[in-house]
Amino acid sequence: MVEGPIPNEFGEDALHIALCAVNGIDFLVTWNCRHLANAFHRHRIEEVVESRGYRCPVICTPEELLED
């Protein structure tokens, strides 16, 4: 199994990203800062999604989305 930015035991987090990418959803808004809205993981998440031929959604917290 390929090691990615989301630990295997948190497959639901990876599934949220995959569902957004496959369905062309622009934003994944979450309070999950441990695995999803995490500045240290975002770049790797984008690399994995885009290497599979999809556009990665913008992953952010509600506060980030509402900033002016």
PDB file of N, CA and C in Angstrom:
ATOM      1  N   MET A   1       0.839  -1.180   0.000  1.00  0.00           N
ATOM      2  CA  MET A   1       0.000   0.000   0.000  1.00  0.00           C
ATOM      3  C   MET A   1       0.887   1.247   0.000  1.00  0.00           C
ATOM      4  N   VAL A   2       0.525   2.246  -0.790  1.00  0.00           N
ATOM      5  CA  VAL A   2       1.286   3.482  -0.883  1.00  0.00           C
ATOM      6  C   VAL A   2       0.970   4.353   0.324  1.00  0.00           C
ATOM      7  N   GLU A   3       2.009   4.864   0.953  1.00  0.00           N
ATOM      8  CA  GLU A   3       1.824   5.756   2.100  1.00  0.00           C
ATOM      9  C   GLU A   3       1.539   7.162   1.586  1.00  0.00           C
ATOM     10  N   GLY A   4       0.447   7.736   2.035  1.00  0.00           N
ATOM     11  CA  GLY A   4       0.070   9.075   1.622  1.00  0.00           C
ATOM     12  C   GLY A   4       0.000  10.010   2.808  1.00  0.00           C
ATOM     13  N   PRO A   5      -0.493  11.199   2.595  1.00  0.00           N
ATOM     14  CA  PRO A   5      -0.550  12.180   3.672  1.00  0.00           C
ATOM     15  C   PRO A   5      -1.616  11.875   4.727  1.00  0.00           C
ATOM     16  N   ILE A   6      -2.583  11.040   4.398  1.00  0.00           N
ATOM     17  CA  ILE A   6      -3.635  10.667   5.342  1.00  0.00           C
ATOM     18  C   ILE A   6      -3.312   9.259   5.866  1.00  0.00           C
ATOM     19  N   PRO A   7      -3.172   9.107   7.185  1.00  0.00           N
ATOM     20  CA  PRO A   7      -2.882   7.771   7.730  1.00  0.00           C
ATOM     21  C   PRO A   7      -3.980   6.763   7.371  1.00  0.00           C
ATOM     22  N   ASN A   8      -3.590   5.526   7.151  1.00  0.00           N
ATOM     23  CA  ASN A   8      -4.530   4.481   6.731  1.00  0.00           C
ATOM     24  C   ASN A   8      -5.730   4.347   7.657  1.00  0.00           C
ATOM     25  N   GLU A   9      -5.538   4.536   8.949  1.00  0.00           N
ATOM     26  CA  GLU A   9      -6.649   4.364   9.891  1.00  0.00           C
ATOM     27  C   GLU A   9      -7.668   5.501   9.827  1.00  0.00           C
ATOM     28  N   PHE A  10      -7.396   6.526   9.008  1.00  0.00           N
ATOM     29  CA  PHE A  10      -8.334   7.632   8.831  1.00  0.00           C
ATOM     30  C   PHE A  10      -8.809   7.687   7.377  1.00  0.00           C
ATOM     31  N   GLY A  11      -9.197   6.535   6.870  1.00  0.00           N
ATOM     32  CA  GLY A  11      -9.649   6.422   5.487  1.00  0.00           C
ATOM     33  C   GLY A  11     -10.834   7.302   5.150  1.00  0.00           C
ATOM     34  N   GLU A  12     -11.661   7.595   6.146  1.00  0.00           N
ATOM     35  CA  GLU A  12     -12.822   8.463   5.899  1.00  0.00           C
ATOM     36  C   GLU A  12     -12.373   9.852   5.468  1.00  0.00           C
ATOM     37  N   ASP A  13     -11.258  10.318   6.016  1.00  0.00           N
ATOM     38  CA  ASP A  13     -10.746  11.632   5.620  1.00  0.00           C
ATOM     39  C   ASP A  13     -10.311  11.611   4.153  1.00  0.00           C
ATOM     40  N   ALA A  14      -9.614  10.559   3.758  1.00  0.00           N
ATOM     41  CA  ALA A  14      -9.201  10.424   2.360  1.00  0.00           C
ATOM     42  C   ALA A  14     -10.416  10.293   1.444  1.00  0.00           C
ATOM     43  N   LEU A  15     -11.448   9.606   1.924  1.00  0.00           N
ATOM     44  CA  LEU A  15     -12.663   9.450   1.136  1.00  0.00           C
ATOM     45  C   LEU A  15     -13.339  10.799   0.875  1.00  0.00           C
ATOM     46  N   HIS A  16     -13.360  11.676   1.860  1.00  0.00           N
ATOM     47  CA  HIS A  16     -13.948  13.010   1.666  1.00  0.00           C
ATOM     48  C   HIS A  16     -13.225  13.750   0.537  1.00  0.00           C
ATOM     49  N   ILE A  17     -11.895  13.681   0.544  1.00  0.00           N
ATOM     50  CA  ILE A  17     -11.123  14.343  -0.502  1.00  0.00           C
ATOM     51  C   ILE A  17     -11.426  13.713  -1.865  1.00  0.00           C
ATOM     52  N   ALA A  18     -11.435  12.389  -1.905  1.00  0.00           N
ATOM     53  CA  ALA A  18     -11.682  11.679  -3.171  1.00  0.00           C
ATOM     54  C   ALA A  18     -13.052  12.003  -3.734  1.00  0.00           C
ATOM     55  N   LEU A  19     -14.067  12.016  -2.887  1.00  0.00           N
ATOM     56  CA  LEU A  19     -15.427  12.322  -3.358  1.00  0.00           C
ATOM     57  C   LEU A  19     -15.503  13.723  -3.945  1.00  0.00           C
ATOM     58  N   CYS A  20     -14.838  14.677  -3.315  1.00  0.00           N
ATOM     59  CA  CYS A  20     -14.820  16.039  -3.852  1.00  0.00           C
ATOM     60  C   CYS A  20     -14.092  16.084  -5.193  1.00  0.00           C
ATOM     61  N   ALA A  21     -12.932  15.443  -5.264  1.00  0.00           N
ATOM     62  CA  ALA A  21     -12.130  15.476  -6.490  1.00  0.00           C
ATOM     63  C   ALA A  21     -12.867  14.818  -7.652  1.00  0.00           C
ATOM     64  N   VAL A  22     -13.407  13.646  -7.435  1.00  0.00           N
ATOM     65  CA  VAL A  22     -14.075  12.897  -8.507  1.00  0.00           C
ATOM     66  C   VAL A  22     -15.323  13.623  -8.995  1.00  0.00           C
ATOM     67  N   ASN A  23     -15.995  14.329  -8.101  1.00  0.00           N
ATOM     68  CA  ASN A  23     -17.243  15.015  -8.461  1.00  0.00           C
ATOM     69  C   ASN A  23     -17.047  16.485  -8.809  1.00  0.00           C
ATOM     70  N   GLY A  24     -15.803  16.943  -8.880  1.00  0.00           N
ATOM     71  CA  GLY A  24     -15.526  18.319  -9.295  1.00  0.00           C
ATOM     72  C   GLY A  24     -15.978  19.373  -8.299  1.00  0.00           C
ATOM     73  N   ILE A  25     -16.001  19.045  -7.023  1.00  0.00           N
ATOM     74  CA  ILE A  25     -16.412  20.001  -5.998  1.00  0.00           C
ATOM     75  C   ILE A  25     -15.232  20.926  -5.715  1.00  0.00           C
ATOM     76  N   ASP A  26     -15.478  22.220  -5.703  1.00  0.00           N
ATOM     77  CA  ASP A  26     -14.411  23.206  -5.589  1.00  0.00           C
ATOM     78  C   ASP A  26     -13.812  23.325  -4.194  1.00  0.00           C
ATOM     79  N   PHE A  27     -14.652  23.202  -3.159  1.00  0.00           N
ATOM     80  CA  PHE A  27     -14.186  23.412  -1.794  1.00  0.00           C
ATOM     81  C   PHE A  27     -14.567  22.248  -0.898  1.00  0.00           C
ATOM     82  N   LEU A  28     -13.645  21.867  -0.030  1.00  0.00           N
ATOM     83  CA  LEU A  28     -13.908  20.923   1.053  1.00  0.00           C
ATOM     84  C   LEU A  28     -13.715  21.724   2.331  1.00  0.00           C
ATOM     85  N   VAL A  29     -14.814  22.077   2.970  1.00  0.00           N
ATOM     86  CA  VAL A  29     -14.790  22.914   4.172  1.00  0.00           C
ATOM     87  C   VAL A  29     -14.897  21.996   5.379  1.00  0.00           C
ATOM     88  N   THR A  30     -13.936  22.114   6.285  1.00  0.00           N
ATOM     89  CA  THR A  30     -13.859  21.178   7.405  1.00  0.00           C
ATOM     90  C   THR A  30     -13.202  21.827   8.613  1.00  0.00           C
ATOM     91  N   TRP A  31     -13.566  21.311   9.783  1.00  0.00           N
ATOM     92  CA  TRP A  31     -12.858  21.687  11.014  1.00  0.00           C
ATOM     93  C   TRP A  31     -11.749  20.680  11.314  1.00  0.00           C
ATOM     94  N   ASN A  32     -11.582  19.681  10.478  1.00  0.00           N
ATOM     95  CA  ASN A  32     -10.567  18.662  10.692  1.00  0.00           C
ATOM     96  C   ASN A  32      -9.203  19.220  10.291  1.00  0.00           C
ATOM     97  N   CYS A  33      -8.516  19.799  11.257  1.00  0.00           N
ATOM     98  CA  CYS A  33      -7.202  20.381  10.988  1.00  0.00           C
ATOM     99  C   CYS A  33      -6.071  19.389  11.220  1.00  0.00           C
ATOM    100  N   ARG A  34      -6.405  18.216  11.690  1.00  0.00           N
ATOM    101  CA  ARG A  34      -5.373  17.207  11.928  1.00  0.00           C
ATOM    102  C   ARG A  34      -4.883  16.589  10.622  1.00  0.00           C
ATOM    103  N   HIS A  35      -5.823  16.252   9.732  1.00  0.00           N
ATOM    104  CA  HIS A  35      -5.443  15.590   8.481  1.00  0.00           C
ATOM    105  C   HIS A  35      -5.847  16.356   7.226  1.00  0.00           C
ATOM    106  N   LEU A  36      -6.894  17.151   7.299  1.00  0.00           N
ATOM    107  CA  LEU A  36      -7.407  17.764   6.080  1.00  0.00           C
ATOM    108  C   LEU A  36      -6.973  19.226   5.928  1.00  0.00           C
ATOM    109  N   ALA A  37      -7.501  20.108   6.733  1.00  0.00           N
ATOM    110  CA  ALA A  37      -7.164  21.536   6.641  1.00  0.00           C
ATOM    111  C   ALA A  37      -5.875  21.789   7.419  1.00  0.00           C
ATOM    112  N   ASN A  38      -4.808  21.204   6.946  1.00  0.00           N
ATOM    113  CA  ASN A  38      -3.527  21.232   7.636  1.00  0.00           C
ATOM    114  C   ASN A  38      -2.470  21.719   6.645  1.00  0.00           C
ATOM    115  N   ALA A  39      -1.843  22.819   6.948  1.00  0.00           N
ATOM    116  CA  ALA A  39      -0.876  23.418   6.024  1.00  0.00           C
ATOM    117  C   ALA A  39       0.279  22.480   5.686  1.00  0.00           C
ATOM    118  N   PHE A  40       0.633  21.607   6.604  1.00  0.00           N
ATOM    119  CA  PHE A  40       1.742  20.686   6.356  1.00  0.00           C
ATOM    120  C   PHE A  40       1.354  19.537   5.428  1.00  0.00           C
ATOM    121  N   HIS A  41       0.061  19.231   5.323  1.00  0.00           N
ATOM    122  CA  HIS A  41      -0.398  18.119   4.490  1.00  0.00           C
ATOM    123  C   HIS A  41      -0.975  18.574   3.146  1.00  0.00           C
ATOM    124  N   ARG A  42      -1.382  19.817   3.045  1.00  0.00           N
ATOM    125  CA  ARG A  42      -2.092  20.280   1.835  1.00  0.00           C
ATOM    126  C   ARG A  42      -1.315  20.023   0.550  1.00  0.00           C
ATOM    127  N   HIS A  43      -0.052  20.357   0.541  1.00  0.00           N
ATOM    128  CA  HIS A  43       0.734  20.189  -0.697  1.00  0.00           C
ATOM    129  C   HIS A  43       0.792  18.722  -1.107  1.00  0.00           C
ATOM    130  N   ARG A  44       1.015  17.839  -0.159  1.00  0.00           N
ATOM    131  CA  ARG A  44       1.098  16.404  -0.475  1.00  0.00           C
ATOM    132  C   ARG A  44      -0.258  15.874  -0.929  1.00  0.00           C
ATOM    133  N   ILE A  45      -1.333  16.328  -0.289  1.00  0.00           N
ATOM    134  CA  ILE A  45      -2.681  15.920  -0.700  1.00  0.00           C
ATOM    135  C   ILE A  45      -2.916  16.337  -2.146  1.00  0.00           C
ATOM    136  N   GLU A  46      -2.575  17.574  -2.477  1.00  0.00           N
ATOM    137  CA  GLU A  46      -2.744  18.060  -3.852  1.00  0.00           C
ATOM    138  C   GLU A  46      -1.939  17.219  -4.833  1.00  0.00           C
ATOM    139  N   GLU A  47      -0.712  16.877  -4.480  1.00  0.00           N
ATOM    140  CA  GLU A  47       0.136  16.052  -5.359  1.00  0.00           C
ATOM    141  C   GLU A  47      -0.503  14.695  -5.635  1.00  0.00           C
ATOM    142  N   VAL A  48      -1.024  14.062  -4.580  1.00  0.00           N
ATOM    143  CA  VAL A  48      -1.625  12.737  -4.734  1.00  0.00           C
ATOM    144  C   VAL A  48      -2.868  12.816  -5.621  1.00  0.00           C
ATOM    145  N   VAL A  49      -3.734  13.772  -5.354  1.00  0.00           N
ATOM    146  CA  VAL A  49      -4.980  13.906  -6.124  1.00  0.00           C
ATOM    147  C   VAL A  49      -4.656  14.205  -7.589  1.00  0.00           C
ATOM    148  N   GLU A  50      -3.781  15.166  -7.824  1.00  0.00           N
ATOM    149  CA  GLU A  50      -3.475  15.568  -9.195  1.00  0.00           C
ATOM    150  C   GLU A  50      -2.696  14.500  -9.953  1.00  0.00           C
ATOM    151  N   SER A  51      -1.930  13.672  -9.246  1.00  0.00           N
ATOM    152  CA  SER A  51      -1.216  12.584  -9.919  1.00  0.00           C
ATOM    153  C   SER A  51      -2.180  11.531 -10.444  1.00  0.00           C
ATOM    154  N   ARG A  52      -3.398  11.535  -9.936  1.00  0.00           N
ATOM    155  CA  ARG A  52      -4.431  10.606 -10.400  1.00  0.00           C
ATOM    156  C   ARG A  52      -5.335  11.229 -11.463  1.00  0.00           C
ATOM    157  N   GLY A  53      -4.999  12.443 -11.894  1.00  0.00           N
ATOM    158  CA  GLY A  53      -5.728  13.087 -12.982  1.00  0.00           C
ATOM    159  C   GLY A  53      -6.917  13.931 -12.557  1.00  0.00           C
ATOM    160  N   TYR A  54      -7.004  14.272 -11.291  1.00  0.00           N
ATOM    161  CA  TYR A  54      -8.112  15.085 -10.790  1.00  0.00           C
ATOM    162  C   TYR A  54      -7.597  16.426 -10.292  1.00  0.00           C
ATOM    163  N   ARG A  55      -8.516  17.377 -10.199  1.00  0.00           N
ATOM    164  CA  ARG A  55      -8.201  18.669  -9.605  1.00  0.00           C
ATOM    165  C   ARG A  55      -8.565  18.595  -8.131  1.00  0.00           C
ATOM    166  N   CYS A  56      -7.638  18.969  -7.281  1.00  0.00           N
ATOM    167  CA  CYS A  56      -7.869  18.891  -5.843  1.00  0.00           C
ATOM    168  C   CYS A  56      -8.770  20.044  -5.397  1.00  0.00           C
ATOM    169  N   PRO A  57      -9.746  19.765  -4.541  1.00  0.00           N
ATOM    170  CA  PRO A  57     -10.552  20.866  -4.012  1.00  0.00           C
ATOM    171  C   PRO A  57      -9.699  21.727  -3.084  1.00  0.00           C
ATOM    172  N   VAL A  58     -10.108  22.951  -2.904  1.00  0.00           N
ATOM    173  CA  VAL A  58      -9.487  23.800  -1.898  1.00  0.00           C
ATOM    174  C   VAL A  58      -9.965  23.276  -0.553  1.00  0.00           C
ATOM    175  N   ILE A  59      -9.036  22.889   0.302  1.00  0.00           N
ATOM    176  CA  ILE A  59      -9.380  22.343   1.609  1.00  0.00           C
ATOM    177  C   ILE A  59      -9.127  23.438   2.637  1.00  0.00           C
ATOM    178  N   CYS A  60     -10.185  23.844   3.331  1.00  0.00           N
ATOM    179  CA  CYS A  60     -10.052  24.951   4.265  1.00  0.00           C
ATOM    180  C   CYS A  60     -11.069  24.849   5.393  1.00  0.00           C
ATOM    181  N   THR A  61     -10.860  25.659   6.426  1.00  0.00           N
ATOM    182  CA  THR A  61     -11.824  25.744   7.519  1.00  0.00           C
ATOM    183  C   THR A  61     -12.905  26.747   7.126  1.00  0.00           C
ATOM    184  N   PRO A  62     -14.045  26.723   7.804  1.00  0.00           N
ATOM    185  CA  PRO A  62     -15.087  27.722   7.516  1.00  0.00           C
ATOM    186  C   PRO A  62     -14.560  29.147   7.667  1.00  0.00           C
ATOM    187  N   GLU A  63     -13.722  29.373   8.654  1.00  0.00           N
ATOM    188  CA  GLU A  63     -13.166  30.720   8.856  1.00  0.00           C
ATOM    189  C   GLU A  63     -12.326  31.164   7.664  1.00  0.00           C
ATOM    190  N   GLU A  64     -11.533  30.268   7.138  1.00  0.00           N
ATOM    191  CA  GLU A  64     -10.700  30.619   5.973  1.00  0.00           C
ATOM    192  C   GLU A  64     -11.574  30.935   4.763  1.00  0.00           C
ATOM    193  N   LEU A  65     -12.644  30.201   4.594  1.00  0.00           N
ATOM    194  CA  LEU A  65     -13.519  30.402   3.437  1.00  0.00           C
ATOM    195  C   LEU A  65     -14.208  31.764   3.506  1.00  0.00           C
ATOM    196  N   LEU A  66     -14.515  32.231   4.696  1.00  0.00           N
ATOM    197  CA  LEU A  66     -15.279  33.469   4.875  1.00  0.00           C
ATOM    198  C   LEU A  66     -14.405  34.704   5.004  1.00  0.00           C
ATOM    199  N   GLU A  67     -13.082  34.556   4.977  1.00  0.00           N
ATOM    200  CA  GLU A  67     -12.191  35.701   5.074  1.00  0.00           C
ATOM    201  C   GLU A  67     -12.393  36.615   3.870  1.00  0.00           C
ATOM    202  N   ASP A  68     -12.274  37.897   4.080  1.00  0.00           N
ATOM    203  CA  ASP A  68     -12.401  38.869   2.979  1.00  0.00           C
ATOM    204  C   ASP A  68     -11.072  39.152   2.358  1.00  0.00           C
TER     205      ASP A  68
END
